[in-house]
C-alpha atoms as a PDB file:
ATOM      1  CA  MET A   1       0.120   0.131  -0.058  1.00  0.00           C
ATOM      2  CA  GLU A   2       1.142   3.601  -0.598  1.00  0.00           C
ATOM      3  CA  SER A   3       2.232   5.250   2.470  1.00  0.00           C
ATOM      4  CA  SER A   4       0.560   8.312   3.392  1.00  0.00           C
ATOM      5  CA  SER A   5       2.775   9.149   6.346  1.00  0.00           C
ATOM      6  CA  SER A   6       4.943  11.807   4.659  1.00  0.00           C
ATOM      7  CA  SER A   7       1.800  13.766   3.691  1.00  0.00           C
ATOM      8  CA  SER A   8      -1.153  12.817   6.271  1.00  0.00           C
ATOM      9  CA  PRO A   9      -1.095  13.958   9.557  1.00  0.00           C
ATOM     10  CA  PHE A  10      -2.690  10.573  10.996  1.00  0.00           C
ATOM     11  CA  LYS A  11      -1.021   7.237  11.028  1.00  0.00           C
ATOM     12  CA  ASP A  12      -1.363   5.145   8.368  1.00  0.00           C
ATOM     13  CA  ASP A  13      -3.403   2.396  10.386  1.00  0.00           C
ATOM     14  CA  ILE A  14      -5.962   4.845  11.796  1.00  0.00           C
ATOM     15  CA  LEU A  15      -8.700   3.159   9.632  1.00  0.00           C
ATOM     16  CA  LYS A  16      -7.071  -0.588   9.905  1.00  0.00           C
ATOM     17  CA  GLY A  17      -9.718  -3.239   9.757  1.00  0.00           C
ATOM     18  CA  LYS A  18     -13.106  -0.692   9.059  1.00  0.00           C
ATOM     19  CA  VAL A  19     -15.309  -0.847   6.147  1.00  0.00           C
ATOM     20  CA  ALA A  20     -16.481   2.181   4.484  1.00  0.00           C
ATOM     21  CA  LEU A  21     -19.485   2.880   2.019  1.00  0.00           C
ATOM     22  CA  LEU A  22     -19.444   6.148   0.225  1.00  0.00           C
ATOM     23  CA  THR A  23     -22.044   7.335  -1.770  1.00  0.00           C
ATOM     24  CA  GLY A  24     -21.083   9.720  -4.591  1.00  0.00           C
ATOM     25  CA  GLY A  25     -17.434   8.354  -3.658  1.00  0.00           C
ATOM     26  CA  GLY A  26     -16.269   7.978  -7.499  1.00  0.00           C
ATOM     27  CA  SER A  27     -15.131  11.443  -8.413  1.00  0.00           C
ATOM     28  CA  GLY A  28     -14.484  14.855  -6.985  1.00  0.00           C
ATOM     29  CA  ILE A  29     -14.188  15.265  -3.168  1.00  0.00           C
ATOM     30  CA  GLY A  30     -15.751  11.952  -2.517  1.00  0.00           C
ATOM     31  CA  PHE A  31     -12.837  10.492  -4.261  1.00  0.00           C
ATOM     32  CA  GLU A  32     -10.528  12.026  -2.309  1.00  0.00           C
ATOM     33  CA  ILE A  33     -12.181  11.012   0.912  1.00  0.00           C
ATOM     34  CA  THR A  34     -12.281   7.342  -0.144  1.00  0.00           C
ATOM     35  CA  SER A  35      -8.744   7.195  -1.103  1.00  0.00           C
ATOM     36  CA  GLN A  36      -7.662   8.761   1.982  1.00  0.00           C
ATOM     37  CA  PHE A  37      -9.896   6.227   3.724  1.00  0.00           C
ATOM     38  CA  GLY A  38      -8.068   3.351   1.759  1.00  0.00           C
ATOM     39  CA  LYS A  39      -4.840   4.769   2.417  1.00  0.00           C
ATOM     40  CA  HIS A  40      -5.190   4.826   6.477  1.00  0.00           C
ATOM     41  CA  GLY A  41      -6.163   1.302   6.452  1.00  0.00           C
ATOM     42  CA  ALA A  42     -10.007   1.133   5.230  1.00  0.00           C
ATOM     43  CA  SER A  43     -11.638  -1.225   2.813  1.00  0.00           C
ATOM     44  CA  VAL A  44     -13.888   0.646   0.615  1.00  0.00           C
ATOM     45  CA  ALA A  45     -17.278   0.364  -1.238  1.00  0.00           C
ATOM     46  CA  ILE A  46     -18.076   3.333  -3.748  1.00  0.00           C
ATOM     47  CA  MET A  47     -21.586   3.618  -4.970  1.00  0.00           C
ATOM     48  CA  GLY A  48     -22.819   5.890  -7.724  1.00  0.00           C
ATOM     49  CA  ARG A  49     -25.083   6.099 -10.953  1.00  0.00           C
ATOM     50  CA  ARG A  50     -22.204   5.897 -13.403  1.00  0.00           C
ATOM     51  CA  LYS A  51     -20.573   2.388 -14.048  1.00  0.00           C
ATOM     52  CA  ASN A  52     -17.902   4.037 -15.892  1.00  0.00           C
ATOM     53  CA  VAL A  53     -16.957   6.541 -13.383  1.00  0.00           C
ATOM     54  CA  LEU A  54     -16.993   3.544 -10.771  1.00  0.00           C
ATOM     55  CA  ASP A  55     -14.939   1.292 -12.558  1.00  0.00           C
ATOM     56  CA  SER A  56     -12.357   3.895 -13.418  1.00  0.00           C
ATOM     57  CA  ALA A  57     -12.584   4.855  -9.664  1.00  0.00           C
ATOM     58  CA  VAL A  58     -12.211   1.060  -8.398  1.00  0.00           C
ATOM     59  CA  SER A  59      -9.397   0.616 -10.986  1.00  0.00           C
ATOM     60  CA  SER A  60      -7.466   3.755  -9.325  1.00  0.00           C
ATOM     61  CA  LEU A  61      -8.097   2.714  -5.856  1.00  0.00           C
ATOM     62  CA  ARG A  62      -6.920  -0.922  -6.409  1.00  0.00           C
ATOM     63  CA  SER A  63      -3.267   0.263  -7.872  1.00  0.00           C
ATOM     64  CA  MET A  64      -2.517   1.795  -4.730  1.00  0.00           C
ATOM     65  CA  GLY A  65      -3.101  -1.338  -3.143  1.00  0.00           C
ATOM     66  CA  ILE A  66      -6.738  -0.678  -1.624  1.00  0.00           C
ATOM     67  CA  GLN A  67      -9.151  -3.333  -1.038  1.00  0.00           C
ATOM     68  CA  ALA A  68     -11.902  -1.287  -2.876  1.00  0.00           C
ATOM     69  CA  ILE A  69     -15.630  -2.371  -4.839  1.00  0.00           C
ATOM     70  CA  GLY A  70     -17.944  -0.095  -6.916  1.00  0.00           C
ATOM     71  CA  LEU A  71     -21.841  -0.977  -6.605  1.00  0.00           C
ATOM     72  CA  VAL A  72     -24.016   0.920  -9.240  1.00  0.00           C
ATOM     73  CA  GLY A  73     -26.968   2.290  -7.302  1.00  0.00           C
ATOM     74  CA  ASP A  74     -29.239   5.474  -7.020  1.00  0.00           C
ATOM     75  CA  VAL A  75     -29.529   6.885  -3.543  1.00  0.00           C
ATOM     76  CA  ARG A  76     -32.983   8.029  -4.188  1.00  0.00           C
ATOM     77  CA  LYS A  77     -34.436   4.311  -4.602  1.00  0.00           C
ATOM     78  CA  ARG A  78     -34.534   2.557  -1.670  1.00  0.00           C
ATOM     79  CA  GLU A  79     -34.224  -0.585  -3.072  1.00  0.00           C
ATOM     80  CA  ASP A  80     -30.687   0.557  -4.545  1.00  0.00           C
ATOM     81  CA  ALA A  81     -29.934   1.515  -1.133  1.00  0.00           C
ATOM     82  CA  ILE A  82     -30.732  -1.783   0.358  1.00  0.00           C
ATOM     83  CA  ARG A  83     -29.032  -3.669  -2.424  1.00  0.00           C
ATOM     84  CA  VAL A  84     -25.791  -1.888  -2.314  1.00  0.00           C
ATOM     85  CA  LEU A  85     -25.682  -2.134   1.396  1.00  0.00           C
ATOM     86  CA  GLU A  86     -26.055  -5.685   1.312  1.00  0.00           C
ATOM     87  CA  SER A  87     -23.791  -6.216  -1.355  1.00  0.00           C
ATOM     88  CA  THR A  88     -20.896  -4.157   0.482  1.00  0.00           C
ATOM     89  CA  VAL A  89     -21.563  -6.527   4.015  1.00  0.00           C
ATOM     90  CA  LYS A  90     -21.398  -9.506   1.888  1.00  0.00           C
ATOM     91  CA  HIS A  91     -18.240  -8.750   0.692  1.00  0.00           C
ATOM     92  CA  PHE A  92     -16.463  -7.284   3.312  1.00  0.00           C
ATOM     93  CA  GLY A  93     -18.386  -8.922   6.061  1.00  0.00           C
ATOM     94  CA  ARG A  94     -19.317  -6.132   8.432  1.00  0.00           C
ATOM     95  CA  LEU A  95     -19.839  -2.014   7.863  1.00  0.00           C
ATOM     96  CA  ASP A  96     -18.347   0.817  10.328  1.00  0.00           C
ATOM     97  CA  ILE A  97     -18.370   4.113   8.149  1.00  0.00           C
ATOM     98  CA  LEU A  98     -21.242   5.551   6.147  1.00  0.00           C
ATOM     99  CA  VAL A  99     -20.338   8.787   4.007  1.00  0.00           C
ATOM    100  CA  ASN A 100     -23.231  10.162   2.054  1.00  0.00           C
ATOM    101  CA  ALA A 101     -21.299  12.473  -0.414  1.00  0.00           C
ATOM    102  CA  ALA A 102     -23.821  11.987  -3.164  1.00  0.00           C
ATOM    103  CA  ALA A 103     -25.180  15.363  -4.319  1.00  0.00           C
ATOM    104  CA  GLY A 104     -26.983  17.476  -7.402  1.00  0.00           C
ATOM    105  CA  ASN A 105     -25.890  21.051  -7.834  1.00  0.00           C
ATOM    106  CA  PHE A 106     -26.882  23.988 -10.574  1.00  0.00           C
ATOM    107  CA  LEU A 107     -27.455  27.652 -10.877  1.00  0.00           C
ATOM    108  CA  ALA A 108     -30.972  28.893 -11.018  1.00  0.00           C
ATOM    109  CA  SER A 109     -32.671  32.051  -9.733  1.00  0.00           C
ATOM    110  CA  PRO A 110     -35.722  30.971  -7.774  1.00  0.00           C
ATOM    111  CA  GLU A 111     -38.409  32.120 -10.454  1.00  0.00           C
ATOM    112  CA  ASP A 112     -36.397  30.035 -13.381  1.00  0.00           C
ATOM    113  CA  LEU A 113     -36.198  26.772 -11.080  1.00  0.00           C
ATOM    114  CA  SER A 114     -39.052  24.557 -11.450  1.00  0.00           C
ATOM    115  CA  PRO A 115     -40.869  22.624  -8.686  1.00  0.00           C
ATOM    116  CA  ASN A 116     -38.972  19.529 -10.441  1.00  0.00           C
ATOM    117  CA  GLY A 117     -35.270  20.790 -10.278  1.00  0.00           C
ATOM    118  CA  PHE A 118     -36.204  21.727  -6.375  1.00  0.00           C
ATOM    119  CA  ARG A 119     -37.481  17.995  -5.781  1.00  0.00           C
ATOM    120  CA  THR A 120     -34.694  16.602  -7.640  1.00  0.00           C
ATOM    121  CA  VAL A 121     -31.922  18.177  -5.409  1.00  0.00           C
ATOM    122  CA  MET A 122     -33.738  17.445  -1.982  1.00  0.00           C
ATOM    123  CA  ASP A 123     -34.526  14.086  -3.333  1.00  0.00           C
ATOM    124  CA  ILE A 124     -30.829  13.079  -4.312  1.00  0.00           C
ATOM    125  CA  ASP A 125     -29.213  15.192  -0.982  1.00  0.00           C
ATOM    126  CA  SER A 126     -31.794  15.208   1.712  1.00  0.00           C
ATOM    127  CA  VAL A 127     -34.133  12.217   0.862  1.00  0.00           C
ATOM    128  CA  GLY A 128     -31.015   9.935  -0.041  1.00  0.00           C
ATOM    129  CA  THR A 129     -28.791  10.807   2.694  1.00  0.00           C
ATOM    130  CA  PHE A 130     -31.859   9.606   4.806  1.00  0.00           C
ATOM    131  CA  THR A 131     -32.670   6.705   3.055  1.00  0.00           C
ATOM    132  CA  MET A 132     -29.219   5.550   3.200  1.00  0.00           C
ATOM    133  CA  CYS A 133     -28.767   6.063   6.787  1.00  0.00           C
ATOM    134  CA  HIS A 134     -32.198   4.272   7.538  1.00  0.00           C
ATOM    135  CA  GLU A 135     -30.903   1.159   5.748  1.00  0.00           C
ATOM    136  CA  ALA A 136     -27.475   0.947   7.213  1.00  0.00           C
ATOM    137  CA  LEU A 137     -28.983   1.319  10.992  1.00  0.00           C
ATOM    138  CA  LYS A 138     -28.996  -2.394  11.306  1.00  0.00           C
ATOM    139  CA  TYR A 139     -25.428  -2.897  10.187  1.00  0.00           C
ATOM    140  CA  LEU A 140     -23.954   0.403  11.833  1.00  0.00           C
ATOM    141  CA  LYS A 141     -25.645  -0.294  15.534  1.00  0.00           C
ATOM    142  CA  LYS A 142     -24.150  -1.550  18.133  1.00  0.00           C
ATOM    143  CA  GLY A 143     -24.029  -5.399  17.939  1.00  0.00           C
ATOM    144  CA  GLY A 144     -25.374  -5.105  14.434  1.00  0.00           C
ATOM    145  CA  ILE A 145     -24.518  -7.626  11.834  1.00  0.00           C
ATOM    146  CA  GLY A 146     -20.539  -8.263  11.484  1.00  0.00           C
ATOM    147  CA  ARG A 147     -19.940  -5.506  14.516  1.00  0.00           C
ATOM    148  CA  ASP A 148     -18.606  -5.766  17.863  1.00  0.00           C
ATOM    149  CA  ILE A 149     -21.048  -6.158  20.237  1.00  0.00           C
ATOM    150  CA  SER A 150     -19.497  -3.277  22.319  1.00  0.00           C
ATOM    151  CA  SER A 151     -19.718  -0.271  19.849  1.00  0.00           C
ATOM    152  CA  GLY A 152     -21.796   1.265  17.061  1.00  0.00           C
ATOM    153  CA  GLY A 153     -20.567   2.748  13.793  1.00  0.00           C
ATOM    154  CA  THR A 154     -20.124   6.127  12.165  1.00  0.00           C
ATOM    155  CA  ILE A 155     -21.983   8.332   9.958  1.00  0.00           C
ATOM    156  CA  LEU A 156     -20.332  11.330   7.973  1.00  0.00           C
ATOM    157  CA  ASN A 157     -22.960  13.434   6.069  1.00  0.00           C
ATOM    158  CA  ILE A 158     -21.298  16.363   3.300  1.00  0.00           C
ATOM    159  CA  SER A 159     -23.245  19.511   3.788  1.00  0.00           C
ATOM    160  CA  ALA A 160     -22.513  23.326   2.512  1.00  0.00           C
ATOM    161  CA  THR A 161     -22.285  26.393   4.082  1.00  0.00           C
ATOM    162  CA  LEU A 162     -24.696  27.949   1.584  1.00  0.00           C
ATOM    163  CA  HIS A 163     -27.589  28.015   4.150  1.00  0.00           C
ATOM    164  CA  TYR A 164     -25.620  29.311   7.182  1.00  0.00           C
ATOM    165  CA  THR A 165     -26.826  33.088   5.353  1.00  0.00           C
ATOM    166  CA  ALA A 166     -28.138  33.119   1.891  1.00  0.00           C
ATOM    167  CA  SER A 167     -26.378  32.474  -1.345  1.00  0.00           C
ATOM    168  CA  TRP A 168     -27.255  33.716  -4.948  1.00  0.00           C
ATOM    169  CA  TYR A 169     -29.212  30.919  -7.020  1.00  0.00           C
ATOM    170  CA  GLN A 170     -28.853  28.218  -4.717  1.00  0.00           C
ATOM    171  CA  ILE A 171     -32.288  28.234  -2.854  1.00  0.00           C
ATOM    172  CA  HIS A 172     -32.601  24.438  -4.076  1.00  0.00           C
ATOM    173  CA  VAL A 173     -29.416  23.322  -2.676  1.00  0.00           C
ATOM    174  CA  SER A 174     -29.352  25.557   0.258  1.00  0.00           C
ATOM    175  CA  ALA A 175     -32.656  24.093   1.392  1.00  0.00           C
ATOM    176  CA  ALA A 176     -31.595  20.477   1.098  1.00  0.00           C
ATOM    177  CA  LYS A 177     -28.105  20.925   2.945  1.00  0.00           C
ATOM    178  CA  ALA A 178     -30.256  22.047   5.469  1.00  0.00           C
ATOM    179  CA  ALA A 179     -32.126  19.148   5.676  1.00  0.00           C
ATOM    180  CA  VAL A 180     -29.216  17.384   5.679  1.00  0.00           C
ATOM    181  CA  ASP A 181     -27.774  19.207   8.873  1.00  0.00           C
ATOM    182  CA  SER A 182     -31.173  18.428  10.611  1.00  0.00           C
ATOM    183  CA  ILE A 183     -30.757  14.992   9.737  1.00  0.00           C
ATOM    184  CA  THR A 184     -27.220  14.680  11.423  1.00  0.00           C
ATOM    185  CA  ARG A 185     -28.296  16.315  14.581  1.00  0.00           C
ATOM    186  CA  SER A 186     -31.527  14.380  15.045  1.00  0.00           C
ATOM    187  CA  LEU A 187     -29.673  10.871  14.177  1.00  0.00           C
ATOM    188  CA  ALA A 188     -26.747  12.083  16.720  1.00  0.00           C
ATOM    189  CA  LEU A 189     -29.032  12.608  19.279  1.00  0.00           C
ATOM    190  CA  GLU A 190     -31.468   9.475  18.637  1.00  0.00           C
ATOM    191  CA  TRP A 191     -28.860   6.772  17.209  1.00  0.00           C
ATOM    192  CA  GLY A 192     -26.256   7.901  19.462  1.00  0.00           C
ATOM    193  CA  THR A 193     -28.464   7.394  22.418  1.00  0.00           C
ATOM    194  CA  ASP A 194     -30.212   4.307  21.415  1.00  0.00           C
ATOM    195  CA  TYR A 195     -27.372   2.392  19.181  1.00  0.00           C
ATOM    196  CA  ASP A 196     -23.980   4.158  19.635  1.00  0.00           C
ATOM    197  CA  ILE A 197     -23.813   5.693  16.449  1.00  0.00           C
ATOM    198  CA  ARG A 198     -21.901   8.679  15.826  1.00  0.00           C
ATOM    199  CA  VAL A 199     -23.226  11.064  13.059  1.00  0.00           C
ATOM    200  CA  ASN A 200     -21.334  14.020  11.974  1.00  0.00           C
ATOM    201  CA  GLY A 201     -21.117  16.248   8.944  1.00  0.00           C
ATOM    202  CA  ILE A 202     -18.336  18.344   6.741  1.00  0.00           C
ATOM    203  CA  ALA A 203     -19.463  21.453   4.960  1.00  0.00           C
ATOM    204  CA  PRO A 204     -16.673  21.978   2.591  1.00  0.00           C
ATOM    205  CA  GLY A 205     -16.295  25.676   1.326  1.00  0.00           C
ATOM    206  CA  PRO A 206     -14.926  26.461  -2.311  1.00  0.00           C
ATOM    207  CA  ILE A 207     -12.344  23.748  -3.251  1.00  0.00           C
ATOM    208  CA  GLU A 208     -10.198  23.685  -6.253  1.00  0.00           C
ATOM    209  CA  GLY A 209      -9.990  21.124  -8.856  1.00  0.00           C
ATOM    210  CA  THR A 210     -13.766  20.161  -8.341  1.00  0.00           C
ATOM    211  CA  THR A 211     -16.574  20.094 -10.853  1.00  0.00           C
ATOM    212  CA  GLY A 212     -18.743  21.995  -7.975  1.00  0.00           C
ATOM    213  CA  LEU A 213     -16.385  24.884  -8.115  1.00  0.00           C
ATOM    214  CA  SER A 214     -15.960  25.065 -11.939  1.00  0.00           C
ATOM    215  CA  LYS A 215     -19.809  24.763 -12.186  1.00  0.00           C
ATOM    216  CA  LEU A 216     -20.953  27.169  -9.801  1.00  0.00           C
ATOM    217  CA  VAL A 217     -18.097  29.579 -10.257  1.00  0.00           C
ATOM    218  CA  PRO A 218     -17.232  31.421 -13.387  1.00  0.00           C
ATOM    219  CA  ASP A 219     -13.416  31.794 -14.029  1.00  0.00           C
ATOM    220  CA  GLU A 220     -13.443  35.188 -13.905  1.00  0.00           C
ATOM    221  CA  ALA A 221     -15.061  35.327 -10.017  1.00  0.00           C
ATOM    222  CA  THR A 222     -12.564  32.649  -9.021  1.00  0.00           C
ATOM    223  CA  ASN A 223      -9.857  35.402  -8.018  1.00  0.00           C
ATOM    224  CA  LYS A 224     -13.079  37.275  -6.163  1.00  0.00           C
ATOM    225  CA  ILE A 225     -13.977  34.856  -3.852  1.00  0.00           C
ATOM    226  CA  GLU A 226     -10.213  34.317  -2.690  1.00  0.00           C
ATOM    227  CA  GLU A 227     -10.314  37.725  -1.951  1.00  0.00           C
ATOM    228  CA  TYR A 228     -12.964  37.325   0.474  1.00  0.00           C
ATOM    229  CA  LEU A 229     -11.463  34.098   1.878  1.00  0.00           C
ATOM    230  CA  PRO A 230      -9.537  34.949   5.399  1.00  0.00           C
ATOM    231  CA  LEU A 231      -6.933  32.529   4.139  1.00  0.00           C
ATOM    232  CA  TYR A 232      -6.929  34.143   0.766  1.00  0.00           C
ATOM    233  CA  LYS A 233      -6.704  30.902  -0.780  1.00  0.00           C
ATOM    234  CA  LEU A 234      -9.193  28.080  -1.954  1.00  0.00           C
ATOM    235  CA  GLY A 235      -9.180  24.977  -0.375  1.00  0.00           C
ATOM    236  CA  GLU A 236      -7.675  21.173  -1.691  1.00  0.00           C
ATOM    237  CA  LYS A 237      -9.965  18.091  -1.964  1.00  0.00           C
ATOM    238  CA  LYS A 238      -7.442  16.494   1.049  1.00  0.00           C
ATOM    239  CA  ASP A 239      -8.604  18.955   3.524  1.00  0.00           C
ATOM    240  CA  ILE A 240     -12.015  17.656   3.478  1.00  0.00           C
ATOM    241  CA  ALA A 241     -10.668  14.091   3.425  1.00  0.00           C
ATOM    242  CA  MET A 242      -8.622  14.793   6.314  1.00  0.00           C
ATOM    243  CA  ALA A 243     -11.293  16.406   8.033  1.00  0.00           C
ATOM    244  CA  ALA A 244     -13.352  13.355   7.304  1.00  0.00           C
ATOM    245  CA  LEU A 245     -10.747  11.049   8.667  1.00  0.00           C
ATOM    246  CA  TYR A 246     -10.864  13.096  12.300  1.00  0.00           C
ATOM    247  CA  LEU A 247     -14.376  12.370  12.478  1.00  0.00           C
ATOM    248  CA  THR A 248     -14.824   8.894  11.158  1.00  0.00           C
ATOM    249  CA  SER A 249     -11.640   7.558  13.317  1.00  0.00           C
ATOM    250  CA  ASP A 250     -11.072   7.521  16.938  1.00  0.00           C
ATOM    251  CA  ALA A 251      -9.639  11.062  16.735  1.00  0.00           C
ATOM    252  CA  GLY A 252     -12.974  12.173  17.032  1.00  0.00           C
ATOM    253  CA  LYS A 253     -14.891   9.379  19.124  1.00  0.00           C
ATOM    254  CA  TYR A 254     -16.458  12.147  21.344  1.00  0.00           C
ATOM    255  CA  ILE A 255     -17.720  14.535  18.561  1.00  0.00           C
ATOM    256  CA  ASN A 256     -21.352  13.859  17.700  1.00  0.00           C
ATOM    257  CA  GLY A 257     -24.022  16.162  16.088  1.00  0.00           C
ATOM    258  CA  MET A 258     -21.715  18.523  14.618  1.00  0.00           C
ATOM    259  CA  THR A 259     -21.227  19.560  11.106  1.00  0.00           C
ATOM    260  CA  ILE A 260     -17.832  21.104  10.878  1.00  0.00           C
ATOM    261  CA  ALA A 261     -17.199  23.869   8.206  1.00  0.00           C
ATOM    262  CA  VAL A 262     -14.109  23.577   6.394  1.00  0.00           C
ATOM    263  CA  ASP A 263     -14.059  26.600   4.033  1.00  0.00           C
ATOM    264  CA  GLY A 264     -11.125  28.718   5.285  1.00  0.00           C
ATOM    265  CA  GLY A 265     -13.928  30.830   7.250  1.00  0.00           C
ATOM    266  CA  LEU A 266     -15.634  32.138   3.756  1.00  0.00           C
ATOM    267  CA  TRP A 267     -18.748  31.712   5.366  1.00  0.00           C
ATOM    268  CA  LEU A 268     -18.092  34.051   7.929  1.00  0.00           C
ATOM    269  CA  SER A 269     -16.781  36.850   5.284  1.00  0.00           C
ATOM    270  CA  ARG A 270     -17.681  39.842   3.823  1.00  0.00           C
ATOM    271  CA  PRO A 271     -16.437  42.251   1.242  1.00  0.00           C
ATOM    272  CA  ARG A 272     -13.902  44.907   2.998  1.00  0.00           C
ATOM    273  CA  HIS A 273     -15.485  48.104   2.078  1.00  0.00           C
ATOM    274  CA  ILE A 274     -13.097  50.119   3.997  1.00  0.00           C
ATOM    275  CA  SER A 275      -9.323  49.331   3.995  1.00  0.00           C
ATOM    276  CA  LYS A 276      -7.118  49.134   7.138  1.00  0.00           C
ATOM    277  CA  GLU A 277      -5.626  52.567   6.215  1.00  0.00           C
ATOM    278  CA  THR A 278      -8.848  54.287   6.285  1.00  0.00           C
ATOM    279  CA  VAL A 279      -9.840  52.794   9.471  1.00  0.00           C
ATOM    280  CA  LYS A 280      -6.568  53.553  11.182  1.00  0.00           C
ATOM    281  CA  GLU A 281      -7.045  57.405  10.013  1.00  0.00           C
ATOM    282  CA  LEU A 282     -10.675  57.770  11.341  1.00  0.00           C
ATOM    283  CA  SER A 283      -9.636  56.093  14.551  1.00  0.00           C
ATOM    284  CA  ARG A 284      -6.956  58.790  14.851  1.00  0.00           C
ATOM    285  CA  VAL A 285      -9.313  61.251  14.374  1.00  0.00           C
ATOM    286  CA  VAL A 286     -11.933  59.851  17.046  1.00  0.00           C
ATOM    287  CA  GLU A 287      -8.989  59.452  19.894  1.00  0.00           C
ATOM    288  CA  LYS A 288      -7.844  63.263  18.730  1.00  0.00           C
ATOM    289  CA  ARG A 289     -11.665  64.452  19.366  1.00  0.00           C
ATOM    290  CA  SER A 290     -11.981  62.525  22.364  1.00  0.00           C
ATOM    291  CA  ARG A 291      -8.820  63.909  24.082  1.00  0.00           C
ATOM    292  CA  GLU A 292      -9.927  67.607  23.151  1.00  0.00           C
ATOM    293  CA  GLU A 293     -13.562  67.020  24.957  1.00  0.00           C
ATOM    294  CA  ALA A 294     -11.730  65.589  27.635  1.00  0.00           C
ATOM    295  CA  THR A 295      -9.352  68.575  28.248  1.00  0.00           C
ATOM    296  CA  THR A 296     -12.420  70.901  27.652  1.00  0.00           C
ATOM    297  CA  ASN A 297     -14.748  69.084  30.646  1.00  0.00           C
ATOM    298  CA  ARG A 298     -11.660  69.222  32.923  1.00  0.00           C
ATOM    299  CA  ILE A 299     -11.569  72.955  32.562  1.00  0.00           C
ATOM    300  CA  SER A 300     -14.896  74.060  31.984  1.00  0.00           C
ATOM    301  CA  PRO A 301     -16.109  76.525  34.557  1.00  0.00           C
ATOM    302  CA  SER A 302     -19.295  74.197  35.141  1.00  0.00           C
ATOM    303  CA  LYS A 303     -17.151  71.680  36.235  1.00  0.00           C
ATOM    304  CA  LEU A 304     -15.948  73.375  38.861  1.00  0.00           C
END
């Protein structure tokens, strides 16, 4: 297996013996999470609708020495979810980690977005996430099929920061990801209590080299985004994968019900309308005025 010690803050065997199923794990951020899970000891199954993408991803993973299988399926179809989960457990003997990374997105103003288009994104992101979680419960819960009786598994839902405030042309995705975050919190409460399953999320920001960035942000707007980022740079797919490793490994064993924003602080940011130099000058004026007023008050007869 290709060593990750030179480029990862985690030990190579941090997920040794674990089995992970990742929806949307054959491309983009999902594939990076899949490959890093494999490099750190996990066996991986990836679920997606396009067989050619799955075949290419599995071939690449196996070339790294990672035990991997690809399973064609649509998260919107319960029968596909059941079949893929059964196949994963049949092949590897157990399931420890479920990552819901399948998503749909496109730019559309609310008045131009059809109810069907809105529903499609909700079905993939929100209903699909719940469907996969619902059907995975019997495998992930404490004492579930193939599991150690003493502990439960882990669920990781890939979300977004769009709904923290509001985002242009993203009403459908904002609504869907808000629902995903709610699912994360509710399952963390109920399944954490009843079945010892940890449920967390990651909300990625703009990540370079992804289809999402190229589809949603025109080239001419990329530099403008970087100006707004507190860290002044786009994220890398590996940044999301490292957060995923943290949350699904024992390193994050006491974290439950949290959706962590991995976006360089972008969702907190606003355009800087006033320069630092202007602010300093204004501050000096205010300080000078305050000193003058204090001096005047000290010598004013009304104060004697």
